[in-house]
Amino acid sequence: MSSDTTAEKSHIHLEQRKSLITLEATIDALILHTLDASQLDQLNIKRQSMALEKGSDLKPHFFAPKANLPQPSKKLIRKSVEHLNNKDAFADPMSRILIVSFLGKSARLLESYFDCESLVLRSSDLYELSEQTTTSMVFKGFADWFLGDPAGKTF
């Protein structure tokens, strides 16, 4: 890789960081941290729908579902912790975020990323967690995406 390409990528990355720092400062300065649609537009924050069906065009952009989700075990937990201790695990130039959001007895999956121009917030439908069977199905669906490998172009 030539140094020109590296310098150009570093400059783009620096500009993205400046944009996000400015956005954070603007939101921190707000008295009320609840944003309506017009405020999201003013801040250049896009809100988009997301579906958890694997074949959907609205599936998460930067996360792939985990095939054949294994049962929890000490070995699997140890492997996950080792991955978190690997400094190269977090070296991607684009930060993608996948969060499970709980609202009372409901939950949804949220994906967020910065697309060089806007902060993009994507949310799944709100899933009801009132019955054990549906709760198990919802958590398995969330785990499929949450434990899967990163996907999509990150630079």
N, C-alpha and C. Protein backbone atom coordinates (compact mmCIF):
# COMPACT_ATOMS: atom_id res chain seq x y z
N MET A 1 0.86 -1.17 0.00
CA MET A 1 0.00 0.00 0.00
C MET A 1 0.90 1.23 0.00
N SER A 2 0.65 2.16 -0.90
CA SER A 2 1.48 3.36 -0.97
C SER A 2 1.17 4.30 0.18
N SER A 3 2.15 5.15 0.49
CA SER A 3 1.94 6.11 1.58
C SER A 3 0.89 7.14 1.21
N ASP A 4 0.71 7.44 -0.11
CA ASP A 4 -0.33 8.38 -0.53
C ASP A 4 -1.70 7.85 -0.16
N THR A 5 -1.93 6.57 -0.41
CA THR A 5 -3.21 5.96 -0.09
C THR A 5 -3.43 5.96 1.42
N THR A 6 -2.39 5.64 2.16
CA THR A 6 -2.50 5.63 3.61
C THR A 6 -2.78 7.02 4.15
N ALA A 7 -2.10 8.02 3.62
CA ALA A 7 -2.32 9.40 4.06
C ALA A 7 -3.74 9.85 3.74
N GLU A 8 -4.22 9.47 2.55
CA GLU A 8 -5.59 9.84 2.15
C GLU A 8 -6.61 9.19 3.07
N LYS A 9 -6.43 7.90 3.36
CA LYS A 9 -7.35 7.20 4.26
C LYS A 9 -7.29 7.78 5.66
N SER A 10 -6.09 8.15 6.11
CA SER A 10 -5.95 8.75 7.43
C SER A 10 -6.67 10.09 7.49
N HIS A 11 -6.58 10.88 6.41
CA HIS A 11 -7.26 12.17 6.36
C HIS A 11 -8.78 11.98 6.41
N ILE A 12 -9.29 11.02 5.64
CA ILE A 12 -10.73 10.73 5.63
C ILE A 12 -11.17 10.30 7.02
N HIS A 13 -10.38 9.42 7.64
CA HIS A 13 -10.71 8.93 8.99
C HIS A 13 -10.72 10.09 9.99
N LEU A 14 -9.76 11.00 9.88
CA LEU A 14 -9.69 12.17 10.76
C LEU A 14 -10.92 13.05 10.59
N GLU A 15 -11.34 13.27 9.34
CA GLU A 15 -12.53 14.09 9.08
C GLU A 15 -13.79 13.44 9.66
N GLN A 16 -13.88 12.11 9.54
CA GLN A 16 -15.02 11.40 10.12
C GLN A 16 -15.03 11.55 11.63
N ARG A 17 -13.86 11.42 12.26
CA ARG A 17 -13.78 11.57 13.72
C ARG A 17 -14.18 12.98 14.14
N LYS A 18 -13.73 14.00 13.39
CA LYS A 18 -14.10 15.38 13.71
C LYS A 18 -15.62 15.56 13.63
N SER A 19 -16.23 14.98 12.59
CA SER A 19 -17.69 15.08 12.44
C SER A 19 -18.41 14.45 13.62
N LEU A 20 -17.95 13.28 14.02
CA LEU A 20 -18.59 12.59 15.15
C LEU A 20 -18.36 13.31 16.47
N ILE A 21 -17.18 13.89 16.66
CA ILE A 21 -16.90 14.66 17.89
C ILE A 21 -17.79 15.89 17.94
N THR A 22 -17.96 16.57 16.80
CA THR A 22 -18.84 17.74 16.74
C THR A 22 -20.28 17.34 17.04
N LEU A 23 -20.73 16.22 16.46
CA LEU A 23 -22.09 15.72 16.70
C LEU A 23 -22.28 15.40 18.18
N GLU A 24 -21.31 14.73 18.78
CA GLU A 24 -21.39 14.39 20.20
C GLU A 24 -21.49 15.66 21.06
N ALA A 25 -20.67 16.65 20.75
CA ALA A 25 -20.69 17.90 21.52
C ALA A 25 -22.03 18.62 21.38
N THR A 26 -22.59 18.60 20.18
CA THR A 26 -23.89 19.24 19.94
C THR A 26 -24.98 18.56 20.75
N ILE A 27 -24.98 17.24 20.75
CA ILE A 27 -26.00 16.49 21.50
C ILE A 27 -25.78 16.65 23.01
N ASP A 28 -24.53 16.63 23.45
CA ASP A 28 -24.24 16.83 24.88
C ASP A 28 -24.71 18.19 25.37
N ALA A 29 -24.68 19.19 24.50
CA ALA A 29 -25.07 20.55 24.89
C ALA A 29 -26.59 20.71 25.01
N LEU A 30 -27.35 19.75 24.50
CA LEU A 30 -28.81 19.83 24.58
C LEU A 30 -29.26 19.66 26.02
N ILE A 31 -30.30 20.39 26.39
CA ILE A 31 -30.86 20.24 27.74
C ILE A 31 -31.59 18.91 27.84
N LEU A 32 -32.37 18.59 26.82
CA LEU A 32 -33.14 17.35 26.78
C LEU A 32 -32.52 16.45 25.71
N HIS A 33 -32.13 15.23 26.09
CA HIS A 33 -31.47 14.32 25.16
C HIS A 33 -32.45 13.40 24.44
N THR A 34 -33.67 13.84 24.25
CA THR A 34 -34.64 13.11 23.46
C THR A 34 -34.82 13.88 22.16
N LEU A 35 -34.50 13.26 21.04
CA LEU A 35 -34.52 13.96 19.76
C LEU A 35 -35.75 13.58 18.95
N ASP A 36 -36.45 14.58 18.40
CA ASP A 36 -37.57 14.31 17.52
C ASP A 36 -37.06 14.27 16.08
N ALA A 37 -37.97 13.98 15.13
CA ALA A 37 -37.58 13.80 13.73
C ALA A 37 -36.90 15.04 13.15
N SER A 38 -37.40 16.23 13.48
CA SER A 38 -36.79 17.45 12.92
C SER A 38 -35.38 17.66 13.47
N GLN A 39 -35.16 17.34 14.76
CA GLN A 39 -33.82 17.47 15.33
C GLN A 39 -32.86 16.45 14.71
N LEU A 40 -33.36 15.24 14.46
CA LEU A 40 -32.52 14.24 13.79
C LEU A 40 -32.10 14.75 12.42
N ASP A 41 -33.04 15.36 11.68
CA ASP A 41 -32.71 15.92 10.36
C ASP A 41 -31.67 17.03 10.48
N GLN A 42 -31.85 17.93 11.44
CA GLN A 42 -30.90 19.03 11.63
C GLN A 42 -29.50 18.52 11.95
N LEU A 43 -29.42 17.44 12.69
CA LEU A 43 -28.13 16.88 13.08
C LEU A 43 -27.58 15.90 12.05
N ASN A 44 -28.32 15.71 10.95
CA ASN A 44 -27.94 14.78 9.88
C ASN A 44 -27.81 13.35 10.41
N ILE A 45 -28.80 12.97 11.23
CA ILE A 45 -28.89 11.61 11.74
C ILE A 45 -30.05 10.94 11.03
N LYS A 46 -29.75 9.83 10.36
CA LYS A 46 -30.78 9.09 9.62
C LYS A 46 -31.31 7.95 10.49
N ARG A 47 -32.63 7.82 10.54
CA ARG A 47 -33.25 6.70 11.26
C ARG A 47 -33.87 5.79 10.22
N GLN A 48 -33.51 4.52 10.23
CA GLN A 48 -33.99 3.56 9.24
C GLN A 48 -34.52 2.31 9.92
N SER A 49 -35.44 1.65 9.23
CA SER A 49 -35.97 0.38 9.73
C SER A 49 -34.98 -0.74 9.48
N MET A 50 -35.10 -1.79 10.27
CA MET A 50 -34.25 -2.96 10.12
C MET A 50 -35.09 -4.19 10.40
N ALA A 51 -34.88 -5.24 9.61
CA ALA A 51 -35.59 -6.50 9.80
C ALA A 51 -34.56 -7.58 10.15
N LEU A 52 -34.97 -8.57 10.91
CA LEU A 52 -34.05 -9.61 11.33
C LEU A 52 -34.17 -10.89 10.51
N GLU A 53 -35.00 -10.87 9.46
CA GLU A 53 -35.10 -12.03 8.57
C GLU A 53 -33.83 -12.07 7.72
N LYS A 54 -33.19 -13.23 7.66
CA LYS A 54 -31.89 -13.35 7.00
C LYS A 54 -31.91 -12.96 5.52
N GLY A 55 -33.01 -13.16 4.81
CA GLY A 55 -33.08 -12.84 3.39
C GLY A 55 -33.61 -11.45 3.08
N SER A 56 -33.90 -10.67 4.07
CA SER A 56 -34.50 -9.35 3.87
C SER A 56 -33.49 -8.31 3.40
N ASP A 57 -33.95 -7.37 2.56
CA ASP A 57 -33.11 -6.24 2.16
C ASP A 57 -32.87 -5.30 3.34
N LEU A 58 -33.69 -5.41 4.39
CA LEU A 58 -33.57 -4.53 5.56
C LEU A 58 -32.77 -5.17 6.69
N LYS A 59 -32.12 -6.33 6.42
CA LYS A 59 -31.33 -6.98 7.47
C LYS A 59 -30.16 -6.08 7.86
N PRO A 60 -29.52 -6.32 9.02
CA PRO A 60 -28.37 -5.50 9.42
C PRO A 60 -27.31 -5.45 8.31
N HIS A 61 -26.71 -4.27 8.13
CA HIS A 61 -25.72 -4.07 7.06
C HIS A 61 -24.36 -4.64 7.41
N PHE A 62 -23.94 -4.52 8.65
CA PHE A 62 -22.57 -4.85 9.01
C PHE A 62 -22.44 -6.04 9.94
N PHE A 63 -23.50 -6.83 10.05
CA PHE A 63 -23.48 -8.01 10.90
C PHE A 63 -24.15 -9.14 10.14
N ALA A 64 -23.58 -10.33 10.23
CA ALA A 64 -24.16 -11.51 9.60
C ALA A 64 -24.66 -12.44 10.71
N PRO A 65 -25.76 -13.15 10.43
CA PRO A 65 -26.25 -14.06 11.48
C PRO A 65 -25.30 -15.22 11.69
N LYS A 66 -25.25 -15.70 12.89
CA LYS A 66 -24.40 -16.84 13.24
C LYS A 66 -25.13 -18.11 12.82
N ALA A 67 -24.49 -18.90 11.98
CA ALA A 67 -25.08 -20.17 11.56
C ALA A 67 -24.89 -21.19 12.67
N ASN A 68 -25.90 -22.01 12.89
CA ASN A 68 -25.81 -23.09 13.88
C ASN A 68 -25.31 -22.59 15.22
N LEU A 69 -26.06 -21.72 15.82
CA LEU A 69 -25.69 -21.12 17.10
C LEU A 69 -25.43 -22.22 18.14
N PRO A 70 -24.20 -22.28 18.69
CA PRO A 70 -23.88 -23.35 19.65
C PRO A 70 -24.49 -23.07 21.02
N GLN A 71 -24.63 -24.14 21.79
CA GLN A 71 -25.08 -23.99 23.17
C GLN A 71 -23.93 -23.37 23.97
N PRO A 72 -24.26 -22.55 24.97
CA PRO A 72 -23.19 -21.94 25.78
C PRO A 72 -22.34 -23.01 26.47
N SER A 73 -21.05 -22.76 26.54
CA SER A 73 -20.13 -23.66 27.24
C SER A 73 -18.96 -22.84 27.77
N LYS A 74 -18.21 -23.41 28.71
CA LYS A 74 -17.04 -22.71 29.25
C LYS A 74 -16.01 -22.46 28.15
N LYS A 75 -15.86 -23.41 27.24
CA LYS A 75 -14.90 -23.25 26.14
C LYS A 75 -15.30 -22.08 25.24
N LEU A 76 -16.58 -21.98 24.91
CA LEU A 76 -17.07 -20.89 24.06
C LEU A 76 -16.90 -19.54 24.74
N ILE A 77 -17.18 -19.48 26.02
CA ILE A 77 -17.01 -18.23 26.77
C ILE A 77 -15.53 -17.84 26.82
N ARG A 78 -14.65 -18.81 27.07
CA ARG A 78 -13.21 -18.54 27.11
C ARG A 78 -12.73 -18.01 25.75
N LYS A 79 -13.21 -18.62 24.67
CA LYS A 79 -12.84 -18.19 23.32
C LYS A 79 -13.31 -16.75 23.06
N SER A 80 -14.51 -16.41 23.51
CA SER A 80 -15.04 -15.06 23.34
C SER A 80 -14.21 -14.04 24.12
N VAL A 81 -13.83 -14.38 25.33
CA VAL A 81 -13.01 -13.47 26.15
C VAL A 81 -11.64 -13.29 25.50
N GLU A 82 -11.05 -14.36 24.98
CA GLU A 82 -9.76 -14.24 24.30
C GLU A 82 -9.86 -13.30 23.10
N HIS A 83 -10.97 -13.37 22.36
CA HIS A 83 -11.17 -12.48 21.22
C HIS A 83 -11.23 -11.02 21.67
N LEU A 84 -11.89 -10.76 22.78
CA LEU A 84 -12.00 -9.38 23.29
C LEU A 84 -10.64 -8.84 23.74
N ASN A 85 -9.74 -9.72 24.15
CA ASN A 85 -8.41 -9.30 24.57
C ASN A 85 -7.45 -9.11 23.39
N ASN A 86 -7.88 -9.46 22.18
CA ASN A 86 -7.05 -9.32 20.99
C ASN A 86 -7.14 -7.88 20.48
N LYS A 87 -6.03 -7.14 20.53
CA LYS A 87 -6.05 -5.72 20.13
C LYS A 87 -6.43 -5.55 18.67
N ASP A 88 -6.16 -6.53 17.80
CA ASP A 88 -6.51 -6.41 16.39
C ASP A 88 -8.01 -6.61 16.14
N ALA A 89 -8.73 -7.10 17.13
CA ALA A 89 -10.16 -7.34 16.96
C ALA A 89 -10.94 -6.05 16.76
N PHE A 90 -10.37 -4.93 17.18
CA PHE A 90 -11.07 -3.65 17.10
C PHE A 90 -10.35 -2.66 16.20
N ALA A 91 -9.65 -3.15 15.18
CA ALA A 91 -8.84 -2.29 14.32
C ALA A 91 -9.57 -1.82 13.06
N ASP A 92 -10.82 -2.22 12.85
CA ASP A 92 -11.54 -1.78 11.66
C ASP A 92 -11.69 -0.27 11.66
N PRO A 93 -11.53 0.37 10.48
CA PRO A 93 -11.65 1.83 10.42
C PRO A 93 -13.07 2.33 10.62
N MET A 94 -14.07 1.50 10.38
CA MET A 94 -15.46 1.92 10.60
C MET A 94 -16.02 1.20 11.80
N SER A 95 -16.49 1.93 12.76
CA SER A 95 -17.09 1.32 13.95
C SER A 95 -18.56 1.04 13.69
N ARG A 96 -18.92 -0.20 13.90
CA ARG A 96 -20.31 -0.61 13.78
C ARG A 96 -20.78 -0.98 15.17
N ILE A 97 -22.01 -0.67 15.46
CA ILE A 97 -22.53 -0.95 16.79
C ILE A 97 -23.82 -1.76 16.64
N LEU A 98 -23.95 -2.83 17.41
CA LEU A 98 -25.18 -3.61 17.45
C LEU A 98 -25.56 -3.74 18.92
N ILE A 99 -26.76 -3.29 19.26
CA ILE A 99 -27.20 -3.23 20.65
C ILE A 99 -28.56 -3.89 20.79
N VAL A 100 -28.76 -4.61 21.88
CA VAL A 100 -30.10 -5.08 22.25
C VAL A 100 -30.65 -4.04 23.21
N SER A 101 -31.80 -3.47 22.87
CA SER A 101 -32.43 -2.43 23.69
C SER A 101 -33.69 -3.00 24.34
N PHE A 102 -33.75 -2.94 25.67
CA PHE A 102 -34.89 -3.43 26.41
C PHE A 102 -35.78 -2.27 26.83
N LEU A 103 -37.08 -2.43 26.61
CA LEU A 103 -38.07 -1.43 26.98
C LEU A 103 -39.18 -2.15 27.73
N GLY A 104 -39.10 -2.20 29.04
CA GLY A 104 -40.09 -2.94 29.82
C GLY A 104 -40.02 -4.42 29.47
N LYS A 105 -41.15 -4.98 29.01
CA LYS A 105 -41.19 -6.39 28.61
C LYS A 105 -41.12 -6.53 27.10
N SER A 106 -40.39 -5.64 26.46
CA SER A 106 -40.17 -5.67 25.02
C SER A 106 -38.69 -5.43 24.75
N ALA A 107 -38.26 -5.80 23.54
CA ALA A 107 -36.86 -5.57 23.16
C ALA A 107 -36.77 -5.38 21.66
N ARG A 108 -35.71 -4.71 21.24
CA ARG A 108 -35.43 -4.54 19.82
C ARG A 108 -33.92 -4.55 19.63
N LEU A 109 -33.51 -4.79 18.38
CA LEU A 109 -32.10 -4.76 18.03
C LEU A 109 -31.82 -3.45 17.31
N LEU A 110 -30.73 -2.78 17.67
CA LEU A 110 -30.34 -1.50 17.07
C LEU A 110 -28.96 -1.65 16.44
N GLU A 111 -28.83 -1.15 15.21
CA GLU A 111 -27.53 -1.10 14.53
C GLU A 111 -27.23 0.36 14.25
N SER A 112 -25.97 0.74 14.43
CA SER A 112 -25.59 2.13 14.20
C SER A 112 -24.22 2.17 13.55
N TYR A 113 -24.05 3.13 12.63
CA TYR A 113 -22.75 3.34 12.00
C TYR A 113 -22.72 4.74 11.40
N PHE A 114 -21.54 5.23 11.08
CA PHE A 114 -21.36 6.53 10.45
C PHE A 114 -20.98 6.27 9.00
N ASP A 115 -21.75 6.81 8.04
CA ASP A 115 -21.52 6.50 6.62
C ASP A 115 -20.72 7.59 5.89
N CYS A 116 -19.87 8.29 6.59
CA CYS A 116 -19.03 9.39 6.07
C CYS A 116 -19.79 10.70 5.95
N GLU A 117 -21.10 10.67 5.98
CA GLU A 117 -21.89 11.89 5.90
C GLU A 117 -22.88 12.01 7.04
N SER A 118 -23.47 10.89 7.42
CA SER A 118 -24.53 10.89 8.44
C SER A 118 -24.31 9.77 9.44
N LEU A 119 -24.82 9.98 10.63
CA LEU A 119 -24.91 8.91 11.60
C LEU A 119 -26.19 8.16 11.26
N VAL A 120 -26.10 6.86 11.05
CA VAL A 120 -27.26 6.06 10.67
C VAL A 120 -27.67 5.20 11.86
N LEU A 121 -28.93 5.30 12.26
CA LEU A 121 -29.49 4.49 13.34
C LEU A 121 -30.57 3.61 12.74
N ARG A 122 -30.43 2.30 12.88
CA ARG A 122 -31.41 1.37 12.33
C ARG A 122 -32.00 0.57 13.48
N SER A 123 -33.31 0.35 13.44
CA SER A 123 -33.94 -0.41 14.53
C SER A 123 -34.88 -1.46 13.98
N SER A 124 -34.89 -2.61 14.65
CA SER A 124 -35.82 -3.67 14.29
C SER A 124 -37.19 -3.35 14.89
N ASP A 125 -38.14 -4.19 14.59
CA ASP A 125 -39.44 -4.07 15.25
C ASP A 125 -39.25 -4.30 16.75
N LEU A 126 -40.23 -3.88 17.52
CA LEU A 126 -40.22 -4.11 18.96
C LEU A 126 -40.84 -5.49 19.21
N TYR A 127 -40.11 -6.37 19.87
CA TYR A 127 -40.57 -7.74 20.12
C TYR A 127 -41.04 -7.86 21.57
N GLU A 128 -42.19 -8.49 21.73
CA GLU A 128 -42.81 -8.69 23.05
C GLU A 128 -42.12 -9.85 23.77
N LEU A 129 -41.80 -9.66 25.04
CA LEU A 129 -41.12 -10.69 25.84
C LEU A 129 -42.00 -11.17 26.98
N SER A 130 -43.29 -11.30 26.73
CA SER A 130 -44.21 -11.62 27.81
C SER A 130 -44.36 -13.11 28.08
N GLU A 131 -44.11 -13.95 27.09
CA GLU A 131 -44.25 -15.39 27.27
C GLU A 131 -42.90 -16.06 27.11
N GLN A 132 -42.67 -17.16 27.83
CA GLN A 132 -41.38 -17.83 27.81
C GLN A 132 -41.01 -18.30 26.40
N THR A 133 -41.97 -18.85 25.66
CA THR A 133 -41.69 -19.35 24.31
C THR A 133 -41.25 -18.23 23.39
N THR A 134 -42.02 -17.13 23.35
CA THR A 134 -41.65 -16.03 22.46
C THR A 134 -40.36 -15.37 22.92
N THR A 135 -40.14 -15.29 24.23
CA THR A 135 -38.90 -14.70 24.74
C THR A 135 -37.71 -15.52 24.27
N SER A 136 -37.79 -16.85 24.35
CA SER A 136 -36.70 -17.72 23.89
C SER A 136 -36.44 -17.53 22.41
N MET A 137 -37.51 -17.44 21.61
CA MET A 137 -37.36 -17.25 20.17
C MET A 137 -36.71 -15.91 19.85
N VAL A 138 -37.14 -14.86 20.54
CA VAL A 138 -36.58 -13.53 20.32
C VAL A 138 -35.10 -13.51 20.69
N PHE A 139 -34.75 -14.07 21.86
CA PHE A 139 -33.34 -14.06 22.27
C PHE A 139 -32.48 -14.89 21.33
N LYS A 140 -33.00 -16.00 20.82
CA LYS A 140 -32.24 -16.79 19.84
C LYS A 140 -32.04 -15.97 18.58
N GLY A 141 -33.09 -15.28 18.12
CA GLY A 141 -32.96 -14.43 16.93
C GLY A 141 -31.94 -13.32 17.12
N PHE A 142 -31.98 -12.67 18.27
CA PHE A 142 -31.00 -11.62 18.58
C PHE A 142 -29.58 -12.20 18.62
N ALA A 143 -29.44 -13.36 19.28
CA ALA A 143 -28.11 -13.98 19.41
C ALA A 143 -27.54 -14.36 18.05
N ASP A 144 -28.40 -14.82 17.12
CA ASP A 144 -27.93 -15.15 15.78
C ASP A 144 -27.16 -13.98 15.17
N TRP A 145 -27.73 -12.79 15.26
CA TRP A 145 -27.09 -11.60 14.69
C TRP A 145 -25.95 -11.09 15.56
N PHE A 146 -26.16 -11.09 16.86
CA PHE A 146 -25.19 -10.51 17.79
C PHE A 146 -23.88 -11.30 17.80
N LEU A 147 -23.96 -12.62 17.68
CA LEU A 147 -22.77 -13.47 17.75
C LEU A 147 -22.18 -13.78 16.39
N GLY A 148 -22.83 -13.32 15.33
CA GLY A 148 -22.33 -13.56 13.98
C GLY A 148 -21.11 -12.71 13.67
N ASP A 149 -20.48 -12.99 12.55
CA ASP A 149 -19.29 -12.25 12.13
C ASP A 149 -19.66 -10.91 11.52
N PRO A 150 -18.73 -9.94 11.57
CA PRO A 150 -18.98 -8.67 10.89
C PRO A 150 -19.17 -8.91 9.40
N ALA A 151 -19.94 -8.05 8.76
CA ALA A 151 -20.21 -8.17 7.33
C ALA A 151 -20.19 -6.78 6.72
N GLY A 152 -20.27 -6.70 5.42
CA GLY A 152 -20.34 -5.41 4.75
C GLY A 152 -18.97 -4.76 4.63
N LYS A 153 -18.91 -3.74 3.78
CA LYS A 153 -17.66 -3.00 3.55
C LYS A 153 -17.47 -2.01 4.69
N THR A 154 -16.32 -2.07 5.34
CA THR A 154 -16.07 -1.20 6.49
C THR A 154 -15.05 -0.12 6.21
N PHE A 155 -14.65 0.05 4.96
CA PHE A 155 -13.76 1.17 4.65
C PHE A 155 -14.13 1.74 3.31
